[in-house]
Protein backbone atom coordinates (compact mmCIF):
# COMPACT_ATOMS: atom_id res chain seq x y z
CA UNK A 1 -8.50 195.64 -52.87
CA UNK A 2 -4.78 196.61 -52.27
CA UNK A 3 -3.84 199.63 -54.43
CA UNK A 4 -0.74 199.54 -56.22
CA UNK A 5 0.87 202.33 -53.97
CA UNK A 6 0.46 200.10 -51.02
CA UNK A 7 2.18 197.13 -52.34
CA UNK A 8 5.64 196.00 -50.86
CA UNK A 9 6.96 197.18 -47.47
CA UNK A 10 6.23 200.43 -45.92
CA UNK A 11 7.50 201.51 -42.52
CA UNK A 12 6.53 204.76 -40.83
CA UNK A 13 7.71 206.12 -37.59
CA UNK A 14 8.83 202.77 -36.34
CA UNK A 15 10.12 202.98 -32.76
CA UNK A 16 10.78 200.37 -30.16
CA UNK A 17 11.50 201.47 -26.52
CA UNK A 18 13.01 199.00 -23.93
CA UNK A 19 12.99 199.53 -20.24
CA UNK A 20 15.91 198.11 -18.28
CA UNK A 21 15.51 196.40 -14.83
CA UNK A 22 17.10 199.68 -13.24
CA UNK A 23 14.53 201.69 -14.91
CA UNK A 24 16.50 203.19 -17.47
CA UNK A 25 14.49 203.72 -20.84
CA UNK A 26 16.50 202.95 -24.14
CA UNK A 27 15.18 203.58 -27.71
CA UNK A 28 16.48 200.43 -29.68
CA UNK A 29 14.76 201.66 -32.88
CA UNK A 30 13.91 205.31 -33.12
CA UNK A 31 11.43 206.89 -35.75
CA UNK A 32 12.55 204.62 -38.74
CA UNK A 33 10.78 205.41 -42.22
CA UNK A 34 11.38 202.88 -45.04
CA UNK A 35 9.90 201.67 -48.09
CA UNK A 36 10.69 198.60 -50.47
CA UNK A 37 8.85 198.52 -53.70
CA UNK A 38 7.78 195.53 -55.63
CA UNK A 39 10.95 194.30 -57.42
CA UNK A 40 13.14 196.15 -55.09
CA UNK A 41 15.92 194.94 -52.99
CA UNK A 42 17.03 197.11 -50.18
CA UNK A 43 19.90 196.18 -47.92
CA UNK A 44 20.30 197.28 -44.25
CA UNK A 45 23.75 197.53 -42.90
CA UNK A 46 25.07 198.67 -39.39
CA UNK A 47 27.17 197.66 -36.54
CA UNK A 48 26.26 195.45 -33.83
CA UNK A 49 23.68 197.31 -31.59
CA UNK A 50 22.66 199.64 -34.47
CA UNK A 51 18.88 198.29 -34.12
CA UNK A 52 18.70 196.02 -37.29
CA UNK A 53 17.52 192.89 -35.47
CA UNK A 54 15.01 194.79 -33.46
CA UNK A 55 13.91 196.29 -36.70
CA UNK A 56 13.49 192.95 -38.39
CA UNK A 57 11.76 191.54 -35.48
CA UNK A 58 9.11 194.16 -35.82
CA UNK A 59 8.82 194.00 -39.50
CA UNK A 60 8.02 190.18 -39.03
CA UNK A 61 5.49 190.63 -36.45
CA UNK A 62 7.76 188.81 -33.79
CA UNK A 63 7.97 191.96 -31.72
CA UNK A 64 5.42 194.81 -31.36
CA UNK A 65 6.59 198.31 -31.92
CA UNK A 66 6.18 200.93 -29.24
CA UNK A 67 5.01 203.27 -31.96
CA UNK A 68 4.94 203.55 -35.72
CA UNK A 69 3.23 201.23 -38.41
CA UNK A 70 4.53 198.46 -40.58
CA UNK A 71 2.50 197.60 -43.80
CA UNK A 72 3.25 194.43 -45.58
CA UNK A 73 1.49 194.54 -49.14
CA UNK A 74 -1.03 196.78 -47.54
CA UNK A 75 -1.79 195.00 -44.37
CA UNK A 76 -0.86 196.44 -40.93
CA UNK A 77 1.49 193.88 -39.07
CA UNK A 78 -0.23 194.60 -35.71
CA UNK A 79 -3.87 195.26 -36.87
CA UNK A 80 -4.31 192.67 -39.49
CA UNK A 81 -1.58 190.24 -38.50
CA UNK A 82 -3.00 187.18 -40.35
CA UNK A 83 -2.83 188.88 -43.62
CA UNK A 84 0.19 190.57 -43.05
CA UNK A 85 1.86 187.06 -42.17
CA UNK A 86 0.59 185.78 -45.29
CA UNK A 87 2.12 188.59 -47.37
CA UNK A 88 5.53 188.25 -45.89
CA UNK A 89 8.10 185.47 -45.71
CA UNK A 90 10.92 185.77 -43.48
CA UNK A 91 14.58 183.97 -43.06
CA UNK A 92 16.24 184.53 -39.64
CA UNK A 93 18.68 181.92 -40.01
CA UNK A 94 20.17 179.84 -37.10
CA UNK A 95 18.44 176.89 -35.39
CA UNK A 96 15.32 178.99 -34.33
CA UNK A 97 12.48 178.31 -36.54
CA UNK A 98 13.50 174.65 -37.59
CA UNK A 99 12.84 171.42 -35.79
CA UNK A 100 16.06 169.37 -35.67
CA UNK A 101 14.46 166.04 -35.09
CA UNK A 102 12.31 166.53 -38.26
CA UNK A 103 13.65 165.86 -41.92
CA UNK A 104 14.09 168.89 -44.17
CA UNK A 105 10.93 167.67 -46.21
CA UNK A 106 9.11 167.25 -42.82
CA UNK A 107 9.86 170.80 -41.79
CA UNK A 108 8.53 172.14 -45.00
CA UNK A 109 5.50 170.18 -44.79
CA UNK A 110 4.78 171.20 -41.24
CA UNK A 111 5.11 174.88 -41.95
CA UNK A 112 3.26 174.61 -45.26
CA UNK A 113 0.34 173.33 -43.47
CA UNK A 114 0.35 176.18 -41.17
CA UNK A 115 0.07 178.42 -44.36
CA UNK A 116 -2.84 176.31 -45.61
CA UNK A 117 -1.07 174.16 -48.12
CA UNK A 118 -2.57 170.51 -48.51
CA UNK A 119 -1.96 167.31 -50.39
CA UNK A 120 -0.08 167.37 -53.80
CA UNK A 121 0.18 170.82 -53.78
CA UNK A 122 2.23 170.91 -50.71
CA UNK A 123 4.24 167.96 -51.62
CA UNK A 124 5.09 169.56 -54.95
CA UNK A 125 6.02 172.81 -53.33
CA UNK A 126 8.17 171.30 -50.83
CA UNK A 127 10.07 169.17 -53.42
CA UNK A 128 10.44 172.12 -55.78
CA UNK A 129 12.04 174.45 -53.01
CA UNK A 130 14.23 171.53 -51.86
CA UNK A 131 15.71 171.69 -55.38
CA UNK A 132 15.73 175.34 -55.64
CA UNK A 133 18.01 175.66 -52.41
CA UNK A 134 19.98 172.55 -53.41
CA UNK A 135 18.83 170.17 -50.78
CA UNK A 136 17.04 167.72 -52.66
CA UNK A 137 19.48 164.93 -51.81
CA UNK A 138 19.06 165.67 -48.18
CA UNK A 139 15.39 166.05 -48.03
CA UNK A 140 15.20 162.90 -45.87
CA UNK A 141 17.78 163.69 -43.26
CA UNK A 142 17.20 165.20 -39.99
CA UNK A 143 17.90 168.96 -39.75
CA UNK A 144 19.98 168.36 -36.70
CA UNK A 145 22.46 167.04 -38.82
CA UNK A 146 22.62 169.82 -41.23
CA UNK A 147 25.73 172.45 -41.27
CA UNK A 148 24.86 176.03 -40.60
CA UNK A 149 24.93 176.77 -44.26
CA UNK A 150 22.40 174.05 -45.13
CA UNK A 151 20.01 175.31 -42.40
CA UNK A 152 20.29 178.80 -43.97
CA UNK A 153 19.13 177.50 -47.34
CA UNK A 154 16.29 175.50 -45.57
CA UNK A 155 15.24 178.81 -43.86
CA UNK A 156 15.06 180.45 -47.28
CA UNK A 157 12.89 177.51 -48.61
CA UNK A 158 10.67 177.96 -45.59
CA UNK A 159 10.17 181.46 -46.17
CA UNK A 160 9.24 180.88 -49.80
CA UNK A 161 6.51 178.23 -49.12
CA UNK A 162 3.43 180.60 -49.41
CA UNK A 163 4.81 182.68 -52.34
CA UNK A 164 4.84 185.93 -50.44
CA UNK A 165 4.99 189.41 -52.07
CA UNK A 166 7.61 190.62 -49.26
CA UNK A 167 10.81 188.79 -48.20
CA UNK A 168 12.83 189.80 -45.10
CA UNK A 169 16.16 188.05 -45.08
CA UNK A 170 18.43 188.19 -42.12
CA UNK A 171 22.10 187.46 -43.25
CA UNK A 172 20.98 184.71 -45.78
CA UNK A 173 24.68 183.88 -46.79
CA UNK A 174 26.10 183.89 -43.34
CA UNK A 175 27.79 180.32 -42.76
CA UNK A 176 27.92 179.51 -46.55
CA UNK A 177 31.12 178.57 -48.34
CA UNK A 178 32.03 180.88 -51.21
CA UNK A 179 30.23 178.70 -53.91
CA UNK A 180 27.16 178.30 -51.96
CA UNK A 181 27.10 181.99 -50.90
CA UNK A 182 27.26 183.03 -54.71
CA UNK A 183 24.60 180.61 -55.36
CA UNK A 184 22.41 182.29 -52.79
CA UNK A 185 23.13 185.66 -54.05
CA UNK A 186 21.75 184.54 -57.58
CA UNK A 187 18.70 183.11 -56.06
CA UNK A 188 18.07 186.17 -54.19
CA UNK A 189 18.61 188.30 -57.32
CA UNK A 190 16.01 185.97 -59.22
CA UNK A 191 13.47 186.33 -56.33
CA UNK A 192 13.64 190.25 -56.66
CA UNK A 193 13.48 190.00 -60.33
CA UNK A 194 10.17 188.19 -60.02
CA UNK A 195 8.71 191.26 -58.48
CA UNK A 196 8.99 190.58 -54.82
CA UNK A 197 10.04 193.36 -52.23
CA UNK A 198 13.10 192.08 -50.45
CA UNK A 199 14.73 193.58 -47.41
CA UNK A 200 18.11 192.21 -46.68
CA UNK A 201 20.51 192.52 -43.69
CA UNK A 202 23.93 191.53 -44.11
CA UNK A 203 27.64 192.26 -43.13
CA UNK A 204 28.79 191.48 -46.46
CA UNK A 205 29.50 194.67 -48.23
CA UNK A 206 30.14 192.94 -51.57
CA UNK A 207 26.93 191.12 -51.21
CA UNK A 208 25.11 194.42 -50.35
CA UNK A 209 26.65 196.19 -53.34
CA UNK A 210 26.02 193.34 -55.72
CA UNK A 211 22.31 192.90 -55.06
CA UNK A 212 20.88 196.16 -53.80
CA UNK A 213 18.73 198.72 -55.51
CA UNK A 214 19.30 200.87 -52.47
CA UNK A 215 21.36 200.66 -49.27
CA UNK A 216 20.28 201.69 -45.73
CA UNK A 217 23.02 202.63 -43.12
CA UNK A 218 21.58 202.25 -39.45
CA UNK A 219 23.49 203.62 -36.48
CA UNK A 220 22.18 203.97 -32.87
CA UNK A 221 18.54 202.99 -33.84
CA UNK A 222 18.23 205.49 -36.44
CA UNK A 223 18.73 205.72 -40.38
CA UNK A 224 22.00 207.48 -40.72
CA UNK A 225 21.98 207.37 -44.72
CA UNK A 226 19.91 205.88 -47.50
CA UNK A 227 20.99 205.81 -51.38
CA UNK A 228 22.33 203.77 -53.97
CA UNK A 229 25.93 202.20 -53.20
CA UNK A 230 27.48 204.28 -55.97
CA UNK A 231 25.81 207.36 -54.53
CA UNK A 232 26.80 206.73 -50.97
CA UNK A 233 30.55 206.23 -52.10
CA UNK A 234 30.56 209.44 -54.38
CA UNK A 235 29.25 211.50 -51.33
CA UNK A 236 31.83 209.79 -48.90
CA UNK A 237 34.71 210.75 -51.50
CA UNK A 238 33.88 214.41 -50.47
CA UNK A 239 35.23 213.56 -46.99
CA UNK A 240 37.60 210.71 -47.52
CA UNK A 241 38.96 211.52 -50.79
CA UNK A 242 39.44 209.22 -54.08
CA UNK A 243 42.02 206.57 -54.70
CA UNK A 244 44.38 207.04 -57.73
CA UNK A 245 46.42 204.46 -59.04
CA UNK A 246 48.98 205.26 -61.70
CA UNK A 247 51.33 202.94 -63.44
CA UNK A 248 54.62 204.60 -64.94
CA UNK A 249 56.49 203.28 -67.91
CA UNK A 250 59.70 203.08 -66.11
CA UNK A 251 61.22 201.11 -63.38
CA UNK A 252 60.20 203.39 -60.46
CA UNK A 253 57.70 206.09 -59.59
CA UNK A 254 59.45 209.17 -60.58
CA UNK A 255 60.01 212.13 -58.16
CA UNK A 256 57.52 214.80 -57.90
CA UNK A 257 54.29 212.53 -57.44
CA UNK A 258 54.13 213.67 -53.96
CA UNK A 259 53.68 217.17 -54.92
CA UNK A 260 50.24 216.24 -56.20
CA UNK A 261 47.62 218.93 -55.05
CA UNK A 262 45.27 217.63 -52.40
CA UNK A 263 47.43 214.52 -51.57
CA UNK A 264 46.16 212.84 -48.41
CA UNK A 265 48.42 209.48 -48.51
CA UNK A 266 50.93 207.99 -51.08
CA UNK A 267 52.03 204.41 -51.41
CA UNK A 268 54.68 203.22 -53.88
CA UNK A 269 55.57 199.85 -55.26
CA UNK A 270 57.88 199.80 -57.88
CA UNK A 271 56.67 201.50 -60.93
CA UNK A 272 52.98 201.85 -59.44
CA UNK A 273 51.82 204.72 -56.96
CA UNK A 274 48.67 204.59 -55.20
CA UNK A 275 47.49 207.88 -53.96
CA UNK A 276 44.70 209.32 -51.69
CA UNK A 277 43.51 212.87 -53.07
CA UNK A 278 40.68 214.99 -52.04
CA UNK A 279 39.78 215.39 -55.58
CA UNK A 280 40.43 212.23 -57.81
CA UNK A 281 39.68 213.63 -61.36
CA UNK A 282 41.82 216.67 -60.60
CA UNK A 283 44.71 214.67 -59.27
CA UNK A 284 44.55 212.66 -62.57
CA UNK A 285 44.70 215.71 -64.70
CA UNK A 286 47.70 217.13 -62.60
CA UNK A 287 49.53 213.80 -63.03
CA UNK A 288 49.00 213.42 -66.82
CA UNK A 289 50.20 217.07 -67.27
CA UNK A 290 53.04 216.70 -64.86
CA UNK A 291 54.28 213.43 -66.56
CA UNK A 292 53.46 213.55 -70.01
CA UNK A 293 54.01 210.27 -72.10
CA UNK A 294 55.32 208.55 -68.85
CA UNK A 295 52.22 206.67 -67.63
CA UNK A 296 50.77 203.40 -68.79
CA UNK A 297 47.39 203.71 -67.11
CA UNK A 298 45.65 205.73 -64.50
CA UNK A 299 42.44 204.82 -62.47
CA UNK A 300 40.33 206.86 -60.12
CA UNK A 301 37.86 205.33 -57.56
CA UNK A 302 35.70 206.72 -54.82
CA UNK A 303 35.77 204.92 -51.37
CA UNK A 304 34.74 201.49 -51.00
CA UNK A 305 31.42 200.63 -49.43
CA UNK A 306 33.35 199.10 -46.53
CA UNK A 307 35.30 202.51 -46.02
CA UNK A 308 31.95 204.24 -46.04
CA UNK A 309 30.58 201.89 -43.37
CA UNK A 310 33.75 202.05 -41.16
CA UNK A 311 33.48 205.87 -41.34
CA UNK A 312 30.06 205.91 -40.03
CA UNK A 313 31.03 203.49 -37.37
CA UNK A 314 33.95 205.47 -36.33
CA UNK A 315 31.72 208.63 -35.70
CA UNK A 316 29.04 206.74 -33.90
């Protein structure tokens, strides 16, 4: 029996060491702890070489860790591999994991058989998933003729065949046009709402912020920061400052705006000034007091998630 506390994805001390041909030892992943609870979606962001791919490969059982543990709905991915694989569905994208000469339906049928599905149950599941990922009209076409985006959708269908409790999705919207990417994000959100534990890797900051309950920033094989998107942005504001946009009720931005305390940067376009200030709320109070009755609107925002990410990369 699986205890409620063991449900979802639990990673402790995950480490992977590689030894190069010249004998150099390199830690690709270094002592990573991570939890994704049922109904929670966590996005992992990081530059190339941060250790995301190696981590995902260990979580899915495709690569053995040097040390540490991975539990998928209570099952150890190394010690109890069969049950762990049944608890997890993963989509790694690209051409790997799909047979180009088989049709979309044949691919799902093949992998469904591997998961123990048979007969009408398998046919019905395959048809349902093809509709879900909007590939029903291409079900009989060989996968080799599919675009990258279509393959991405088929990968997701394959990951859902056995109705897993944990989903690991590696850049699921990569290669999709804007409309298809939006549909993919909506589908992933629905899967999370159903109670699945979802780990998502992405380079799309908007996607991460829109979907995630928490965001993990990886750098040099370790977790650099972990929190909600809003909390990460607010914390970065202490270092990067806030953006203050102020629209004036006159043709030009008046003189004196540049005297705002804590000003880091200033841009002017017509009657609009966009400032970067160390303390946004304090800057707004000063501007309203300095120019009473002369403003139409004022807005203050912390750094964007992209700016938080770029700051992390810059100091790595």
